[in-house]
Amino acid sequence: MNKLLQVKNVIWKEGKHYVAQCLNVDVSSFGRTKKEASVNLQEALELYFEGAKPFAAAKVERPEIFGVALRYA
């Protein structure tokens, strides 16, 4: 029996491409459009979970985006 695993993803533009990243597991992908990045991420997630157990995904509830200022040389 197949179970449904819900994951949360973010997407942003970086240069000429869009980057899509899953917040539940360390998987990301990219594409020329948001749609392409999203489709590529879904494919990457399917491959990731192909041999993994779904409970390996961290539960993410109400994610918030925030900035941090860092000093660097």
C-alpha atoms as a PDB file:
ATOM      1  CA  MET A   1       0.000   0.000   0.000  1.00  0.00           C
ATOM      2  CA  ASN A   2       1.369   3.432  -0.986  1.00  0.00           C
ATOM      3  CA  LYS A   3       1.255   6.218   1.582  1.00  0.00           C
ATOM      4  CA  LEU A   4       1.217   9.909   0.820  1.00  0.00           C
ATOM      5  CA  LEU A   5       4.085  11.987   2.193  1.00  0.00           C
ATOM      6  CA  GLN A   6       3.552  15.754   2.258  1.00  0.00           C
ATOM      7  CA  VAL A   7       6.713  17.880   2.110  1.00  0.00           C
ATOM      8  CA  LYS A   8       7.247  21.632   2.111  1.00  0.00           C
ATOM      9  CA  ASN A   9       9.395  23.303  -0.517  1.00  0.00           C
ATOM     10  CA  VAL A  10      10.722  26.788  -1.237  1.00  0.00           C
ATOM     11  CA  ILE A  11      11.647  28.300  -4.564  1.00  0.00           C
ATOM     12  CA  TRP A  12      13.647  31.406  -5.423  1.00  0.00           C
ATOM     13  CA  LYS A  13      15.412  32.992  -8.379  1.00  0.00           C
ATOM     14  CA  GLU A  14      19.193  32.799  -8.445  1.00  0.00           C
ATOM     15  CA  GLY A  15      20.751  34.446 -11.482  1.00  0.00           C
ATOM     16  CA  LYS A  16      19.052  33.086 -14.614  1.00  0.00           C
ATOM     17  CA  HIS A  17      17.627  30.005 -12.872  1.00  0.00           C
ATOM     18  CA  TYR A  18      15.092  29.138 -10.203  1.00  0.00           C
ATOM     19  CA  VAL A  19      16.188  26.964  -7.292  1.00  0.00           C
ATOM     20  CA  ALA A  20      13.683  24.680  -5.561  1.00  0.00           C
ATOM     21  CA  GLN A  21      14.577  23.159  -2.201  1.00  0.00           C
ATOM     22  CA  CYS A  22      12.747  20.743   0.064  1.00  0.00           C
ATOM     23  CA  LEU A  23      12.667  21.836   3.709  1.00  0.00           C
ATOM     24  CA  ASN A  24      12.045  18.315   5.044  1.00  0.00           C
ATOM     25  CA  VAL A  25      15.124  16.654   3.544  1.00  0.00           C
ATOM     26  CA  ASP A  26      18.340  17.988   2.037  1.00  0.00           C
ATOM     27  CA  VAL A  27      17.243  17.791  -1.619  1.00  0.00           C
ATOM     28  CA  SER A  28      17.170  20.616  -4.159  1.00  0.00           C
ATOM     29  CA  SER A  29      17.037  21.153  -7.906  1.00  0.00           C
ATOM     30  CA  PHE A  30      16.789  24.005 -10.396  1.00  0.00           C
ATOM     31  CA  GLY A  31      15.277  25.030 -13.721  1.00  0.00           C
ATOM     32  CA  ARG A  32      14.855  27.935 -16.124  1.00  0.00           C
ATOM     33  CA  THR A  33      11.312  28.546 -14.842  1.00  0.00           C
ATOM     34  CA  LYS A  34       9.529  28.022 -11.516  1.00  0.00           C
ATOM     35  CA  LYS A  35       7.543  25.199 -13.094  1.00  0.00           C
ATOM     36  CA  GLU A  36      10.667  23.457 -14.413  1.00  0.00           C
ATOM     37  CA  ALA A  37      12.428  23.811 -11.050  1.00  0.00           C
ATOM     38  CA  SER A  38       9.363  22.395  -9.284  1.00  0.00           C
ATOM     39  CA  VAL A  39       9.100  19.415 -11.654  1.00  0.00           C
ATOM     40  CA  ASN A  40      12.838  18.746 -11.331  1.00  0.00           C
ATOM     41  CA  LEU A  41      12.585  18.868  -7.536  1.00  0.00           C
ATOM     42  CA  GLN A  42       9.693  16.417  -7.542  1.00  0.00           C
ATOM     43  CA  GLU A  43      11.740  14.013  -9.668  1.00  0.00           C
ATOM     44  CA  ALA A  44      14.741  14.408  -7.339  1.00  0.00           C
ATOM     45  CA  LEU A  45      12.527  13.756  -4.293  1.00  0.00           C
ATOM     46  CA  GLU A  46      11.046  10.638  -5.884  1.00  0.00           C
ATOM     47  CA  LEU A  47      14.571   9.315  -6.501  1.00  0.00           C
ATOM     48  CA  TYR A  48      15.627  10.248  -2.955  1.00  0.00           C
ATOM     49  CA  PHE A  49      12.710   8.432  -1.351  1.00  0.00           C
ATOM     50  CA  GLU A  50      12.913   5.452  -3.714  1.00  0.00           C
ATOM     51  CA  GLY A  51      15.183   3.595  -1.297  1.00  0.00           C
ATOM     52  CA  ALA A  52      14.533   5.586   1.872  1.00  0.00           C
ATOM     53  CA  LYS A  53      11.868   5.206   4.509  1.00  0.00           C
ATOM     54  CA  PRO A  54       9.401   8.145   4.561  1.00  0.00           C
ATOM     55  CA  PHE A  55       9.852   8.716   8.290  1.00  0.00           C
ATOM     56  CA  ALA A  56      13.389   9.898   7.434  1.00  0.00           C
ATOM     57  CA  ALA A  57      11.818  13.266   6.520  1.00  0.00           C
ATOM     58  CA  ALA A  58      11.736  15.938   9.203  1.00  0.00           C
ATOM     59  CA  LYS A  59       8.348  17.408   9.997  1.00  0.00           C
ATOM     60  CA  VAL A  60       8.221  21.114   9.112  1.00  0.00           C
ATOM     61  CA  GLU A  61       5.330  23.233  10.349  1.00  0.00           C
ATOM     62  CA  ARG A  62       4.811  26.914   9.564  1.00  0.00           C
ATOM     63  CA  PRO A  63       8.266  27.702   8.146  1.00  0.00           C
ATOM     64  CA  GLU A  64       9.320  31.345   8.235  1.00  0.00           C
ATOM     65  CA  ILE A  65      11.931  33.099   6.145  1.00  0.00           C
ATOM     66  CA  PHE A  66      14.256  35.427   8.008  1.00  0.00           C
ATOM     67  CA  GLY A  67      17.514  37.165   7.309  1.00  0.00           C
ATOM     68  CA  VAL A  68      20.782  37.146   9.219  1.00  0.00           C
ATOM     69  CA  ALA A  69      23.581  39.709   8.800  1.00  0.00           C
ATOM     70  CA  LEU A  70      27.079  38.194   8.824  1.00  0.00           C
ATOM     71  CA  ARG A  71      30.459  39.897   8.752  1.00  0.00           C
ATOM     72  CA  TYR A  72      33.039  38.433   6.425  1.00  0.00           C
ATOM     73  CA  ALA A  73      36.428  39.419   5.074  1.00  0.00           C
END
